[in-house]
């Protein structure tokens, strides 16, 4: 997974400093608790869910099952792929 650390001026932290440290620790603990045997599958699932909701916000009504169905037959029949599905595949 990609790690992103936000930049915050130390003078802006104030009362949130302890909460930020707690959040970073909780994130590290959660990351350590995910077994390597399921990490890849979990990342794939989260990518699918995030893609679905992100595109849903933008007005794309495609359901994840449609995307999975299209991927399983990828390259077989491009005519069946709707504009919405092609948009999802492009951002996958």
PDB file of N, CA and C in Angstrom:
ATOM      1  N   UNK A   1       0.832  -1.178   0.000  1.00  0.00           N
ATOM      2  CA  UNK A   1       0.000   0.000   0.000  1.00  0.00           C
ATOM      3  C   UNK A   1       0.878   1.244   0.000  1.00  0.00           C
ATOM      4  N   UNK A   2       0.309   2.303  -0.469  1.00  0.00           N
ATOM      5  CA  UNK A   2       1.011   3.571  -0.509  1.00  0.00           C
ATOM      6  C   UNK A   2       0.859   4.267   0.831  1.00  0.00           C
ATOM      7  N   UNK A   3       1.958   4.757   1.345  1.00  0.00           N
ATOM      8  CA  UNK A   3       1.917   5.473   2.615  1.00  0.00           C
ATOM      9  C   UNK A   3       1.962   6.973   2.342  1.00  0.00           C
ATOM     10  N   UNK A   4       1.013   7.683   2.874  1.00  0.00           N
ATOM     11  CA  UNK A   4       0.955   9.132   2.699  1.00  0.00           C
ATOM     12  C   UNK A   4       0.972   9.775   4.080  1.00  0.00           C
ATOM     13  N   UNK A   5       1.943  10.632   4.299  1.00  0.00           N
ATOM     14  CA  UNK A   5       2.048  11.337   5.567  1.00  0.00           C
ATOM     15  C   UNK A   5       1.755  12.811   5.317  1.00  0.00           C
ATOM     16  N   UNK A   6       0.696  13.329   5.903  1.00  0.00           N
ATOM     17  CA  UNK A   6       0.375  14.742   5.690  1.00  0.00           C
ATOM     18  C   UNK A   6       1.387  15.653   6.363  1.00  0.00           C
ATOM     19  N   UNK A   7       1.609  16.797   5.773  1.00  0.00           N
ATOM     20  CA  UNK A   7       2.503  17.789   6.361  1.00  0.00           C
ATOM     21  C   UNK A   7       1.673  18.749   7.198  1.00  0.00           C
ATOM     22  N   UNK A   8       2.034  18.878   8.449  1.00  0.00           N
ATOM     23  CA  UNK A   8       1.359  19.807   9.345  1.00  0.00           C
ATOM     24  C   UNK A   8       2.400  20.647  10.060  1.00  0.00           C
ATOM     25  N   UNK A   9       2.171  21.925  10.089  1.00  0.00           N
ATOM     26  CA  UNK A   9       3.055  22.811  10.853  1.00  0.00           C
ATOM     27  C   UNK A   9       2.919  22.444  12.328  1.00  0.00           C
ATOM     28  N   UNK A  10       4.022  22.361  13.036  1.00  0.00           N
ATOM     29  CA  UNK A  10       3.957  21.987  14.449  1.00  0.00           C
ATOM     30  C   UNK A  10       3.158  23.000  15.268  1.00  0.00           C
ATOM     31  N   UNK A  11       3.130  24.248  14.833  1.00  0.00           N
ATOM     32  CA  UNK A  11       2.374  25.265  15.567  1.00  0.00           C
ATOM     33  C   UNK A  11       0.866  25.081  15.383  1.00  0.00           C
ATOM     34  N   UNK A  12       0.448  24.317  14.344  1.00  0.00           N
ATOM     35  CA  UNK A  12      -0.969  24.101  14.081  1.00  0.00           C
ATOM     36  C   UNK A  12      -1.518  22.867  14.792  1.00  0.00           C
ATOM     37  N   UNK A  13      -0.658  22.061  15.386  1.00  0.00           N
ATOM     38  CA  UNK A  13      -1.095  20.813  15.981  1.00  0.00           C
ATOM     39  C   UNK A  13      -1.928  21.013  17.244  1.00  0.00           C
ATOM     40  N   UNK A  14      -1.451  21.829  18.127  1.00  0.00           N
ATOM     41  CA  UNK A  14      -2.180  22.117  19.354  1.00  0.00           C
ATOM     42  C   UNK A  14      -2.693  20.879  20.055  1.00  0.00           C
ATOM     43  N   UNK A  15      -3.988  20.870  20.336  1.00  0.00           N
ATOM     44  CA  UNK A  15      -4.609  19.775  21.078  1.00  0.00           C
ATOM     45  C   UNK A  15      -4.693  18.475  20.281  1.00  0.00           C
ATOM     46  N   UNK A  16      -4.445  18.542  18.992  1.00  0.00           N
ATOM     47  CA  UNK A  16      -4.565  17.348  18.161  1.00  0.00           C
ATOM     48  C   UNK A  16      -3.308  16.485  18.148  1.00  0.00           C
ATOM     49  N   UNK A  17      -2.223  16.988  18.674  1.00  0.00           N
ATOM     50  CA  UNK A  17      -0.957  16.271  18.605  1.00  0.00           C
ATOM     51  C   UNK A  17      -1.055  14.866  19.199  1.00  0.00           C
ATOM     52  N   UNK A  18      -1.595  14.725  20.404  1.00  0.00           N
ATOM     53  CA  UNK A  18      -1.716  13.409  21.033  1.00  0.00           C
ATOM     54  C   UNK A  18      -2.651  12.509  20.238  1.00  0.00           C
ATOM     55  N   UNK A  19      -3.728  13.070  19.700  1.00  0.00           N
ATOM     56  CA  UNK A  19      -4.670  12.282  18.913  1.00  0.00           C
ATOM     57  C   UNK A  19      -4.024  11.787  17.624  1.00  0.00           C
ATOM     58  N   UNK A  20      -3.185  12.610  17.030  1.00  0.00           N
ATOM     59  CA  UNK A  20      -2.485  12.214  15.802  1.00  0.00           C
ATOM     60  C   UNK A  20      -1.528  11.064  16.092  1.00  0.00           C
ATOM     61  N   UNK A  21      -0.803  11.158  17.186  1.00  0.00           N
ATOM     62  CA  UNK A  21       0.122  10.086  17.569  1.00  0.00           C
ATOM     63  C   UNK A  21      -0.657   8.801  17.821  1.00  0.00           C
ATOM     64  N   UNK A  22      -1.790   8.883  18.516  1.00  0.00           N
ATOM     65  CA  UNK A  22      -2.622   7.704  18.769  1.00  0.00           C
ATOM     66  C   UNK A  22      -3.122   7.098  17.458  1.00  0.00           C
ATOM     67  N   UNK A  23      -3.516   7.937  16.538  1.00  0.00           N
ATOM     68  CA  UNK A  23      -4.009   7.465  15.250  1.00  0.00           C
ATOM     69  C   UNK A  23      -2.909   6.760  14.458  1.00  0.00           C
ATOM     70  N   UNK A  24      -1.720   7.312  14.470  1.00  0.00           N
ATOM     71  CA  UNK A  24      -0.586   6.688  13.769  1.00  0.00           C
ATOM     72  C   UNK A  24      -0.255   5.333  14.394  1.00  0.00           C
ATOM     73  N   UNK A  25      -0.296   5.263  15.714  1.00  0.00           N
ATOM     74  CA  UNK A  25      -0.037   3.984  16.386  1.00  0.00           C
ATOM     75  C   UNK A  25      -1.114   2.952  16.061  1.00  0.00           C
ATOM     76  N   UNK A  26      -2.368   3.379  16.074  1.00  0.00           N
ATOM     77  CA  UNK A  26      -3.464   2.458  15.748  1.00  0.00           C
ATOM     78  C   UNK A  26      -3.342   1.953  14.306  1.00  0.00           C
ATOM     79  N   UNK A  27      -2.955   2.834  13.392  1.00  0.00           N
ATOM     80  CA  UNK A  27      -2.763   2.442  11.996  1.00  0.00           C
ATOM     81  C   UNK A  27      -1.644   1.413  11.872  1.00  0.00           C
ATOM     82  N   UNK A  28      -0.541   1.639  12.577  1.00  0.00           N
ATOM     83  CA  UNK A  28       0.585   0.703  12.532  1.00  0.00           C
ATOM     84  C   UNK A  28       0.184  -0.654  13.104  1.00  0.00           C
ATOM     85  N   UNK A  29      -0.581  -0.647  14.180  1.00  0.00           N
ATOM     86  CA  UNK A  29      -1.034  -1.898  14.795  1.00  0.00           C
ATOM     87  C   UNK A  29      -1.973  -2.655  13.854  1.00  0.00           C
ATOM     88  N   UNK A  30      -2.885  -1.945  13.231  1.00  0.00           N
ATOM     89  CA  UNK A  30      -3.792  -2.579  12.274  1.00  0.00           C
ATOM     90  C   UNK A  30      -3.005  -3.172  11.112  1.00  0.00           C
ATOM     91  N   UNK A  31      -2.041  -2.430  10.608  1.00  0.00           N
ATOM     92  CA  UNK A  31      -1.219  -2.905   9.500  1.00  0.00           C
ATOM     93  C   UNK A  31      -0.457  -4.181   9.885  1.00  0.00           C
ATOM     94  N   UNK A  32       0.080  -4.222  11.108  1.00  0.00           N
ATOM     95  CA  UNK A  32       0.804  -5.413  11.577  1.00  0.00           C
ATOM     96  C   UNK A  32      -0.125  -6.606  11.773  1.00  0.00           C
ATOM     97  N   UNK A  33      -1.390  -6.352  12.067  1.00  0.00           N
ATOM     98  CA  UNK A  33      -2.309  -7.444  12.378  1.00  0.00           C
ATOM     99  C   UNK A  33      -2.851  -8.159  11.138  1.00  0.00           C
ATOM    100  N   UNK A  34      -2.615  -7.611   9.956  1.00  0.00           N
ATOM    101  CA  UNK A  34      -3.111  -8.241   8.732  1.00  0.00           C
ATOM    102  C   UNK A  34      -2.112  -9.297   8.283  1.00  0.00           C
ATOM    103  N   UNK A  35      -2.508 -10.566   8.282  1.00  0.00           N
ATOM    104  CA  UNK A  35      -1.582 -11.630   7.868  1.00  0.00           C
ATOM    105  C   UNK A  35      -1.181 -11.469   6.401  1.00  0.00           C
ATOM    106  N   UNK A  36       0.071 -11.774   6.110  1.00  0.00           N
ATOM    107  CA  UNK A  36       0.565 -11.670   4.735  1.00  0.00           C
ATOM    108  C   UNK A  36      -0.230 -12.549   3.772  1.00  0.00           C
ATOM    109  N   UNK A  37      -0.792 -13.641   4.284  1.00  0.00           N
ATOM    110  CA  UNK A  37      -1.528 -14.561   3.422  1.00  0.00           C
ATOM    111  C   UNK A  37      -2.799 -13.937   2.832  1.00  0.00           C
ATOM    112  N   UNK A  38      -3.353 -12.917   3.499  1.00  0.00           N
ATOM    113  CA  UNK A  38      -4.566 -12.281   2.957  1.00  0.00           C
ATOM    114  C   UNK A  38      -4.348 -10.826   2.549  1.00  0.00           C
ATOM    115  N   UNK A  39      -3.148 -10.310   2.751  1.00  0.00           N
ATOM    116  CA  UNK A  39      -2.870  -8.900   2.464  1.00  0.00           C
ATOM    117  C   UNK A  39      -3.178  -8.528   1.017  1.00  0.00           C
ATOM    118  N   UNK A  40      -2.724  -9.318   0.065  1.00  0.00           N
ATOM    119  CA  UNK A  40      -2.960  -9.023  -1.355  1.00  0.00           C
ATOM    120  C   UNK A  40      -4.439  -9.001  -1.685  1.00  0.00           C
ATOM    121  N   UNK A  41      -5.178  -9.983  -1.188  1.00  0.00           N
ATOM    122  CA  UNK A  41      -6.622 -10.048  -1.443  1.00  0.00           C
ATOM    123  C   UNK A  41      -7.344  -8.870  -0.806  1.00  0.00           C
ATOM    124  N   UNK A  42      -6.929  -8.491   0.375  1.00  0.00           N
ATOM    125  CA  UNK A  42      -7.555  -7.365   1.064  1.00  0.00           C
ATOM    126  C   UNK A  42      -7.284  -6.058   0.328  1.00  0.00           C
ATOM    127  N   UNK A  43      -6.050  -5.882  -0.145  1.00  0.00           N
ATOM    128  CA  UNK A  43      -5.732  -4.677  -0.912  1.00  0.00           C
ATOM    129  C   UNK A  43      -6.566  -4.616  -2.192  1.00  0.00           C
ATOM    130  N   UNK A  44      -6.708  -5.753  -2.866  1.00  0.00           N
ATOM    131  CA  UNK A  44      -7.499  -5.822  -4.093  1.00  0.00           C
ATOM    132  C   UNK A  44      -8.961  -5.445  -3.792  1.00  0.00           C
ATOM    133  N   UNK A  45      -9.511  -6.005  -2.720  1.00  0.00           N
ATOM    134  CA  UNK A  45     -10.898  -5.727  -2.357  1.00  0.00           C
ATOM    135  C   UNK A  45     -11.094  -4.254  -2.019  1.00  0.00           C
ATOM    136  N   UNK A  46     -10.190  -3.685  -1.246  1.00  0.00           N
ATOM    137  CA  UNK A  46     -10.303  -2.266  -0.890  1.00  0.00           C
ATOM    138  C   UNK A  46     -10.171  -1.368  -2.118  1.00  0.00           C
ATOM    139  N   UNK A  47      -9.318  -1.748  -3.058  1.00  0.00           N
ATOM    140  CA  UNK A  47      -9.187  -0.979  -4.302  1.00  0.00           C
ATOM    141  C   UNK A  47     -10.505  -1.011  -5.074  1.00  0.00           C
ATOM    142  N   UNK A  48     -11.147  -2.182  -5.133  1.00  0.00           N
ATOM    143  CA  UNK A  48     -12.431  -2.314  -5.816  1.00  0.00           C
ATOM    144  C   UNK A  48     -13.501  -1.464  -5.134  1.00  0.00           C
ATOM    145  N   UNK A  49     -13.594  -1.548  -3.819  1.00  0.00           N
ATOM    146  CA  UNK A  49     -14.595  -0.790  -3.072  1.00  0.00           C
ATOM    147  C   UNK A  49     -14.351   0.713  -3.204  1.00  0.00           C
ATOM    148  N   UNK A  50     -13.102   1.139  -3.063  1.00  0.00           N
ATOM    149  CA  UNK A  50     -12.792   2.564  -3.199  1.00  0.00           C
ATOM    150  C   UNK A  50     -13.097   3.070  -4.595  1.00  0.00           C
ATOM    151  N   UNK A  51     -12.773   2.274  -5.607  1.00  0.00           N
ATOM    152  CA  UNK A  51     -13.062   2.656  -6.988  1.00  0.00           C
ATOM    153  C   UNK A  51     -14.570   2.788  -7.194  1.00  0.00           C
ATOM    154  N   UNK A  52     -15.320   1.825  -6.670  1.00  0.00           N
ATOM    155  CA  UNK A  52     -16.782   1.846  -6.806  1.00  0.00           C
ATOM    156  C   UNK A  52     -17.366   3.129  -6.208  1.00  0.00           C
ATOM    157  N   UNK A  53     -17.015   3.420  -4.957  1.00  0.00           N
ATOM    158  CA  UNK A  53     -17.606   4.589  -4.301  1.00  0.00           C
ATOM    159  C   UNK A  53     -17.111   5.906  -4.901  1.00  0.00           C
ATOM    160  N   UNK A  54     -15.856   5.959  -5.287  1.00  0.00           N
ATOM    161  CA  UNK A  54     -15.333   7.161  -5.919  1.00  0.00           C
ATOM    162  C   UNK A  54     -16.079   7.451  -7.223  1.00  0.00           C
ATOM    163  N   UNK A  55     -16.257   6.416  -8.027  1.00  0.00           N
ATOM    164  CA  UNK A  55     -16.971   6.601  -9.289  1.00  0.00           C
ATOM    165  C   UNK A  55     -18.454   6.836  -9.066  1.00  0.00           C
ATOM    166  N   UNK A  56     -19.003   6.257  -8.038  1.00  0.00           N
ATOM    167  CA  UNK A  56     -20.418   6.478  -7.701  1.00  0.00           C
ATOM    168  C   UNK A  56     -20.654   7.953  -7.367  1.00  0.00           C
ATOM    169  N   UNK A  57     -19.734   8.545  -6.633  1.00  0.00           N
ATOM    170  CA  UNK A  57     -19.826   9.971  -6.295  1.00  0.00           C
ATOM    171  C   UNK A  57     -19.846  10.813  -7.568  1.00  0.00           C
ATOM    172  N   UNK A  58     -19.081  10.357  -8.569  1.00  0.00           N
ATOM    173  CA  UNK A  58     -19.008  11.087  -9.829  1.00  0.00           C
ATOM    174  C   UNK A  58     -20.158  10.760 -10.775  1.00  0.00           C
ATOM    175  N   UNK A  59     -21.108   9.943 -10.326  1.00  0.00           N
ATOM    176  CA  UNK A  59     -22.288   9.663 -11.133  1.00  0.00           C
ATOM    177  C   UNK A  59     -22.221   8.398 -11.965  1.00  0.00           C
ATOM    178  N   UNK A  60     -21.206   7.581 -11.766  1.00  0.00           N
ATOM    179  CA  UNK A  60     -21.096   6.331 -12.510  1.00  0.00           C
ATOM    180  C   UNK A  60     -21.857   5.250 -11.750  1.00  0.00           C
ATOM    181  N   UNK A  61     -22.930   4.691 -12.345  1.00  0.00           N
ATOM    182  CA  UNK A  61     -23.776   3.745 -11.628  1.00  0.00           C
ATOM    183  C   UNK A  61     -23.308   2.284 -11.700  1.00  0.00           C
ATOM    184  N   UNK A  62     -22.151   2.030 -12.266  1.00  0.00           N
ATOM    185  CA  UNK A  62     -21.691   0.653 -12.456  1.00  0.00           C
ATOM    186  C   UNK A  62     -21.486  -0.045 -11.117  1.00  0.00           C
ATOM    187  N   UNK A  63     -22.008  -1.250 -11.001  1.00  0.00           N
ATOM    188  CA  UNK A  63     -21.893  -2.052  -9.792  1.00  0.00           C
ATOM    189  C   UNK A  63     -20.618  -2.904  -9.885  1.00  0.00           C
ATOM    190  N   UNK A  64     -19.955  -3.185  -8.754  1.00  0.00           N
ATOM    191  CA  UNK A  64     -18.727  -3.995  -8.794  1.00  0.00           C
ATOM    192  C   UNK A  64     -18.898  -5.339  -9.518  1.00  0.00           C
ATOM    193  N   UNK A  65     -20.059  -5.967  -9.407  1.00  0.00           N
ATOM    194  CA  UNK A  65     -20.248  -7.255 -10.091  1.00  0.00           C
ATOM    195  C   UNK A  65     -20.147  -7.096 -11.604  1.00  0.00           C
ATOM    196  N   UNK A  66     -20.582  -5.938 -12.125  1.00  0.00           N
ATOM    197  CA  UNK A  66     -20.459  -5.687 -13.563  1.00  0.00           C
ATOM    198  C   UNK A  66     -18.998  -5.559 -13.964  1.00  0.00           C
ATOM    199  N   UNK A  67     -18.231  -4.908 -13.118  1.00  0.00           N
ATOM    200  CA  UNK A  67     -16.812  -4.738 -13.384  1.00  0.00           C
ATOM    201  C   UNK A  67     -16.098  -6.087 -13.346  1.00  0.00           C
ATOM    202  N   UNK A  68     -16.406  -6.898 -12.352  1.00  0.00           N
ATOM    203  CA  UNK A  68     -15.779  -8.217 -12.242  1.00  0.00           C
ATOM    204  C   UNK A  68     -16.152  -9.097 -13.420  1.00  0.00           C
ATOM    205  N   UNK A  69     -17.406  -9.026 -13.827  1.00  0.00           N
ATOM    206  CA  UNK A  69     -17.861  -9.802 -14.974  1.00  0.00           C
ATOM    207  C   UNK A  69     -17.112  -9.386 -16.235  1.00  0.00           C
ATOM    208  N   UNK A  70     -16.940  -8.094 -16.416  1.00  0.00           N
ATOM    209  CA  UNK A  70     -16.227  -7.575 -17.587  1.00  0.00           C
ATOM    210  C   UNK A  70     -14.768  -8.002 -17.547  1.00  0.00           C
ATOM    211  N   UNK A  71     -14.163  -7.970 -16.382  1.00  0.00           N
ATOM    212  CA  UNK A  71     -12.757  -8.367 -16.276  1.00  0.00           C
ATOM    213  C   UNK A  71     -12.563  -9.839 -16.598  1.00  0.00           C
ATOM    214  N   UNK A  72     -13.521 -10.675 -16.210  1.00  0.00           N
ATOM    215  CA  UNK A  72     -13.373 -12.109 -16.466  1.00  0.00           C
ATOM    216  C   UNK A  72     -13.448 -12.424 -17.952  1.00  0.00           C
ATOM    217  N   UNK A  73     -14.114 -11.561 -18.723  1.00  0.00           N
ATOM    218  CA  UNK A  73     -14.187 -11.778 -20.171  1.00  0.00           C
ATOM    219  C   UNK A  73     -13.389 -10.725 -20.930  1.00  0.00           C
ATOM    220  N   UNK A  74     -12.465 -10.088 -20.270  1.00  0.00           N
ATOM    221  CA  UNK A  74     -11.711  -8.981 -20.855  1.00  0.00           C
ATOM    222  C   UNK A  74     -11.073  -9.391 -22.181  1.00  0.00           C
ATOM    223  N   UNK A  75     -11.277  -8.541 -23.175  1.00  0.00           N
ATOM    224  CA  UNK A  75     -10.699  -8.769 -24.484  1.00  0.00           C
ATOM    225  C   UNK A  75     -11.568  -9.618 -25.389  1.00  0.00           C
ATOM    226  N   UNK A  76     -12.610 -10.260 -24.861  1.00  0.00           N
ATOM    227  CA  UNK A  76     -13.447 -11.141 -25.676  1.00  0.00           C
ATOM    228  C   UNK A  76     -14.471 -10.365 -26.478  1.00  0.00           C
ATOM    229  N   UNK A  77     -15.139  -9.402 -25.843  1.00  0.00           N
ATOM    230  CA  UNK A  77     -16.177  -8.662 -26.554  1.00  0.00           C
ATOM    231  C   UNK A  77     -16.195  -7.217 -26.078  1.00  0.00           C
ATOM    232  N   UNK A  78     -15.427  -6.380 -26.744  1.00  0.00           N
ATOM    233  CA  UNK A  78     -15.341  -4.964 -26.363  1.00  0.00           C
ATOM    234  C   UNK A  78     -16.671  -4.253 -26.574  1.00  0.00           C
ATOM    235  N   UNK A  79     -17.514  -4.737 -27.478  1.00  0.00           N
ATOM    236  CA  UNK A  79     -18.792  -4.086 -27.750  1.00  0.00           C
ATOM    237  C   UNK A  79     -19.711  -4.132 -26.535  1.00  0.00           C
ATOM    238  N   UNK A  80     -19.547  -5.136 -25.676  1.00  0.00           N
ATOM    239  CA  UNK A  80     -20.393  -5.280 -24.485  1.00  0.00           C
ATOM    240  C   UNK A  80     -20.026  -4.287 -23.397  1.00  0.00           C
ATOM    241  N   UNK A  81     -18.822  -3.742 -23.442  1.00  0.00           N
ATOM    242  CA  UNK A  81     -18.361  -2.847 -22.384  1.00  0.00           C
ATOM    243  C   UNK A  81     -18.994  -1.472 -22.551  1.00  0.00           C
ATOM    244  N   UNK A  82     -19.712  -1.063 -21.525  1.00  0.00           N
ATOM    245  CA  UNK A  82     -20.335   0.253 -21.557  1.00  0.00           C
ATOM    246  C   UNK A  82     -19.294   1.323 -21.252  1.00  0.00           C
ATOM    247  N   UNK A  83     -19.656   2.559 -21.528  1.00  0.00           N
ATOM    248  CA  UNK A  83     -18.768   3.688 -21.238  1.00  0.00           C
ATOM    249  C   UNK A  83     -18.434   3.724 -19.749  1.00  0.00           C
ATOM    250  N   UNK A  84     -19.431   3.448 -18.897  1.00  0.00           N
ATOM    251  CA  UNK A  84     -19.212   3.479 -17.443  1.00  0.00           C
ATOM    252  C   UNK A  84     -18.206   2.411 -17.005  1.00  0.00           C
ATOM    253  N   UNK A  85     -18.323   1.207 -17.562  1.00  0.00           N
ATOM    254  CA  UNK A  85     -17.398   0.126 -17.202  1.00  0.00           C
ATOM    255  C   UNK A  85     -15.996   0.448 -17.694  1.00  0.00           C
ATOM    256  N   UNK A  86     -15.906   0.994 -18.892  1.00  0.00           N
ATOM    257  CA  UNK A  86     -14.590   1.356 -19.434  1.00  0.00           C
ATOM    258  C   UNK A  86     -13.932   2.439 -18.562  1.00  0.00           C
ATOM    259  N   UNK A  87     -14.747   3.348 -18.024  1.00  0.00           N
ATOM    260  CA  UNK A  87     -14.220   4.381 -17.130  1.00  0.00           C
ATOM    261  C   UNK A  87     -13.644   3.756 -15.870  1.00  0.00           C
ATOM    262  N   UNK A  88     -14.367   2.795 -15.299  1.00  0.00           N
ATOM    263  CA  UNK A  88     -13.879   2.111 -14.098  1.00  0.00           C
ATOM    264  C   UNK A  88     -12.587   1.350 -14.375  1.00  0.00           C
ATOM    265  N   UNK A  89     -12.542   0.658 -15.504  1.00  0.00           N
ATOM    266  CA  UNK A  89     -11.340  -0.113 -15.852  1.00  0.00           C
ATOM    267  C   UNK A  89     -10.146   0.813 -16.046  1.00  0.00           C
ATOM    268  N   UNK A  90     -10.374   1.983 -16.584  1.00  0.00           N
ATOM    269  CA  UNK A  90      -9.285   2.941 -16.809  1.00  0.00           C
ATOM    270  C   UNK A  90      -8.697   3.442 -15.492  1.00  0.00           C
ATOM    271  N   UNK A  91      -9.514   3.514 -14.438  1.00  0.00           N
ATOM    272  CA  UNK A  91      -9.045   4.013 -13.145  1.00  0.00           C
ATOM    273  C   UNK A  91      -8.640   2.917 -12.189  1.00  0.00           C
ATOM    274  N   UNK A  92      -8.746   1.680 -12.591  1.00  0.00           N
ATOM    275  CA  UNK A  92      -8.452   0.562 -11.728  1.00  0.00           C
ATOM    276  C   UNK A  92      -7.007   0.531 -11.518  1.00  0.00           C
TER     277      UNK A  92
END
